[in-house]
Amino acid sequence: MDEFMRRMKEMAAMGGGMGFYGSMPDNYKVIINGNHKLISRIVNEENEEVQAELSKQAFDLALLSQGLLTGAELTEFVNRSVNLI
């Protein structure tokens, strides 16, 4: 989540004069470290199915780290993780 928007939403939740920020929809950005070994592995993977599976796993892991992966998506992530191990 954008740092500015996160702070404004926190201030709105505390009851400050920024109440209109609390009603704004959440907006998230994904930033990819192109130097990471996993990204290199995804980019260099020739099999598109494996490439898509690794990409989904990395994206779900990012969601999980932010507490945004819940319900059926979380169950699917856990099952996929067990299969990868």
C-alpha atoms as a PDB file:
ATOM      1  CA  MET A   1       0.000   0.000   0.000  1.00  0.00           C
ATOM      2  CA  ASP A   2       1.251   3.460  -0.800  1.00  0.00           C
ATOM      3  CA  GLU A   3       2.867   4.989   2.292  1.00  0.00           C
ATOM      4  CA  PHE A   4       0.943   8.273   1.998  1.00  0.00           C
ATOM      5  CA  MET A   5      -2.425   6.554   1.667  1.00  0.00           C
ATOM      6  CA  ARG A   6      -1.649   4.151   4.509  1.00  0.00           C
ATOM      7  CA  ARG A   7      -0.843   7.053   6.832  1.00  0.00           C
ATOM      8  CA  MET A   8      -3.931   9.026   5.826  1.00  0.00           C
ATOM      9  CA  LYS A   9      -6.165   5.985   6.427  1.00  0.00           C
ATOM     10  CA  GLU A  10      -4.562   5.459   9.843  1.00  0.00           C
ATOM     11  CA  MET A  11      -5.186   9.092  10.781  1.00  0.00           C
ATOM     12  CA  ALA A  12      -8.789   8.831   9.563  1.00  0.00           C
ATOM     13  CA  ALA A  13      -9.267   5.713  11.711  1.00  0.00           C
ATOM     14  CA  MET A  14      -8.033   7.611  14.774  1.00  0.00           C
ATOM     15  CA  GLY A  15     -10.707  10.241  14.224  1.00  0.00           C
ATOM     16  CA  GLY A  16      -8.572  13.060  12.890  1.00  0.00           C
ATOM     17  CA  GLY A  17      -9.807  15.674  10.444  1.00  0.00           C
ATOM     18  CA  MET A  18      -9.070  13.364   7.528  1.00  0.00           C
ATOM     19  CA  GLY A  19     -12.247  11.277   7.671  1.00  0.00           C
ATOM     20  CA  PHE A  20     -12.727  11.237   3.913  1.00  0.00           C
ATOM     21  CA  TYR A  21      -9.544   9.181   3.484  1.00  0.00           C
ATOM     22  CA  GLY A  22     -11.103   6.346   5.457  1.00  0.00           C
ATOM     23  CA  SER A  23     -13.800   5.887   2.826  1.00  0.00           C
ATOM     24  CA  MET A  24     -11.358   5.701  -0.101  1.00  0.00           C
ATOM     25  CA  PRO A  25     -10.749   2.240  -1.582  1.00  0.00           C
ATOM     26  CA  ASP A  26      -7.512   0.442  -0.812  1.00  0.00           C
ATOM     27  CA  ASN A  27      -4.889   0.686  -3.525  1.00  0.00           C
ATOM     28  CA  TYR A  28      -1.913  -1.684  -3.664  1.00  0.00           C
ATOM     29  CA  LYS A  29       1.242  -1.761  -5.779  1.00  0.00           C
ATOM     30  CA  VAL A  30       3.504  -4.708  -6.482  1.00  0.00           C
ATOM     31  CA  ILE A  31       7.202  -3.948  -6.736  1.00  0.00           C
ATOM     32  CA  ILE A  32       9.468  -6.637  -8.143  1.00  0.00           C
ATOM     33  CA  ASN A  33      13.165  -6.927  -7.379  1.00  0.00           C
ATOM     34  CA  GLY A  34      14.557  -7.953 -10.753  1.00  0.00           C
ATOM     35  CA  ASN A  35      17.842  -9.010  -9.145  1.00  0.00           C
ATOM     36  CA  HIS A  36      16.236 -11.660  -6.930  1.00  0.00           C
ATOM     37  CA  LYS A  37      17.098 -15.298  -7.717  1.00  0.00           C
ATOM     38  CA  LEU A  38      13.433 -16.303  -7.911  1.00  0.00           C
ATOM     39  CA  ILE A  39      12.645 -13.614 -10.486  1.00  0.00           C
ATOM     40  CA  SER A  40      15.635 -14.713 -12.558  1.00  0.00           C
ATOM     41  CA  ARG A  41      14.371 -18.288 -12.356  1.00  0.00           C
ATOM     42  CA  ILE A  42      10.889 -17.222 -13.479  1.00  0.00           C
ATOM     43  CA  VAL A  43      12.215 -15.155 -16.389  1.00  0.00           C
ATOM     44  CA  ASN A  44      14.593 -17.896 -17.564  1.00  0.00           C
ATOM     45  CA  GLU A  45      12.014 -20.698 -17.265  1.00  0.00           C
ATOM     46  CA  GLU A  46      11.128 -22.037 -20.716  1.00  0.00           C
ATOM     47  CA  ASN A  47       7.985 -23.925 -19.704  1.00  0.00           C
ATOM     48  CA  GLU A  48       5.168 -21.348 -19.541  1.00  0.00           C
ATOM     49  CA  GLU A  49       3.099 -23.483 -17.161  1.00  0.00           C
ATOM     50  CA  VAL A  50       5.944 -23.677 -14.637  1.00  0.00           C
ATOM     51  CA  GLN A  51       6.619 -19.972 -15.145  1.00  0.00           C
ATOM     52  CA  ALA A  52       2.981 -19.109 -14.376  1.00  0.00           C
ATOM     53  CA  GLU A  53       2.958 -21.383 -11.308  1.00  0.00           C
ATOM     54  CA  LEU A  54       6.134 -19.813  -9.904  1.00  0.00           C
ATOM     55  CA  SER A  55       4.776 -16.318 -10.580  1.00  0.00           C
ATOM     56  CA  LYS A  56       1.517 -17.106  -8.791  1.00  0.00           C
ATOM     57  CA  GLN A  57       3.436 -18.591  -5.857  1.00  0.00           C
ATOM     58  CA  ALA A  58       5.634 -15.476  -5.543  1.00  0.00           C
ATOM     59  CA  PHE A  59       2.623 -13.153  -5.764  1.00  0.00           C
ATOM     60  CA  ASP A  60       0.669 -15.141  -3.179  1.00  0.00           C
ATOM     61  CA  LEU A  61       3.695 -15.112  -0.875  1.00  0.00           C
ATOM     62  CA  ALA A  62       3.768 -11.302  -1.130  1.00  0.00           C
ATOM     63  CA  LEU A  63       0.045 -11.164  -0.299  1.00  0.00           C
ATOM     64  CA  LEU A  64       0.569 -13.514   2.637  1.00  0.00           C
ATOM     65  CA  SER A  65       3.358 -11.344   4.042  1.00  0.00           C
ATOM     66  CA  GLN A  66       0.957  -8.378   4.098  1.00  0.00           C
ATOM     67  CA  GLY A  67      -1.927 -10.348   5.612  1.00  0.00           C
ATOM     68  CA  LEU A  68      -3.970 -10.057   2.408  1.00  0.00           C
ATOM     69  CA  LEU A  69      -4.219 -13.744   1.518  1.00  0.00           C
ATOM     70  CA  THR A  70      -7.349 -15.296   3.004  1.00  0.00           C
ATOM     71  CA  GLY A  71     -10.029 -17.889   2.390  1.00  0.00           C
ATOM     72  CA  ALA A  72      -9.868 -20.118  -0.660  1.00  0.00           C
ATOM     73  CA  GLU A  73      -6.774 -18.336  -1.982  1.00  0.00           C
ATOM     74  CA  LEU A  74      -4.915 -19.118   1.256  1.00  0.00           C
ATOM     75  CA  THR A  75      -5.960 -22.777   1.086  1.00  0.00           C
ATOM     76  CA  GLU A  76      -4.833 -22.970  -2.544  1.00  0.00           C
ATOM     77  CA  PHE A  77      -1.489 -21.372  -1.603  1.00  0.00           C
ATOM     78  CA  VAL A  78      -0.889 -23.873   1.209  1.00  0.00           C
ATOM     79  CA  ASN A  79      -1.757 -26.838  -1.031  1.00  0.00           C
ATOM     80  CA  ARG A  80       0.507 -25.518  -3.796  1.00  0.00           C
ATOM     81  CA  SER A  81       3.333 -24.986  -1.282  1.00  0.00           C
ATOM     82  CA  VAL A  82       3.033 -28.543  -0.011  1.00  0.00           C
ATOM     83  CA  ASN A  83       3.150 -29.858  -3.589  1.00  0.00           C
ATOM     84  CA  LEU A  84       6.272 -27.805  -4.336  1.00  0.00           C
ATOM     85  CA  ILE A  85       8.037 -29.193  -1.291  1.00  0.00           C
END
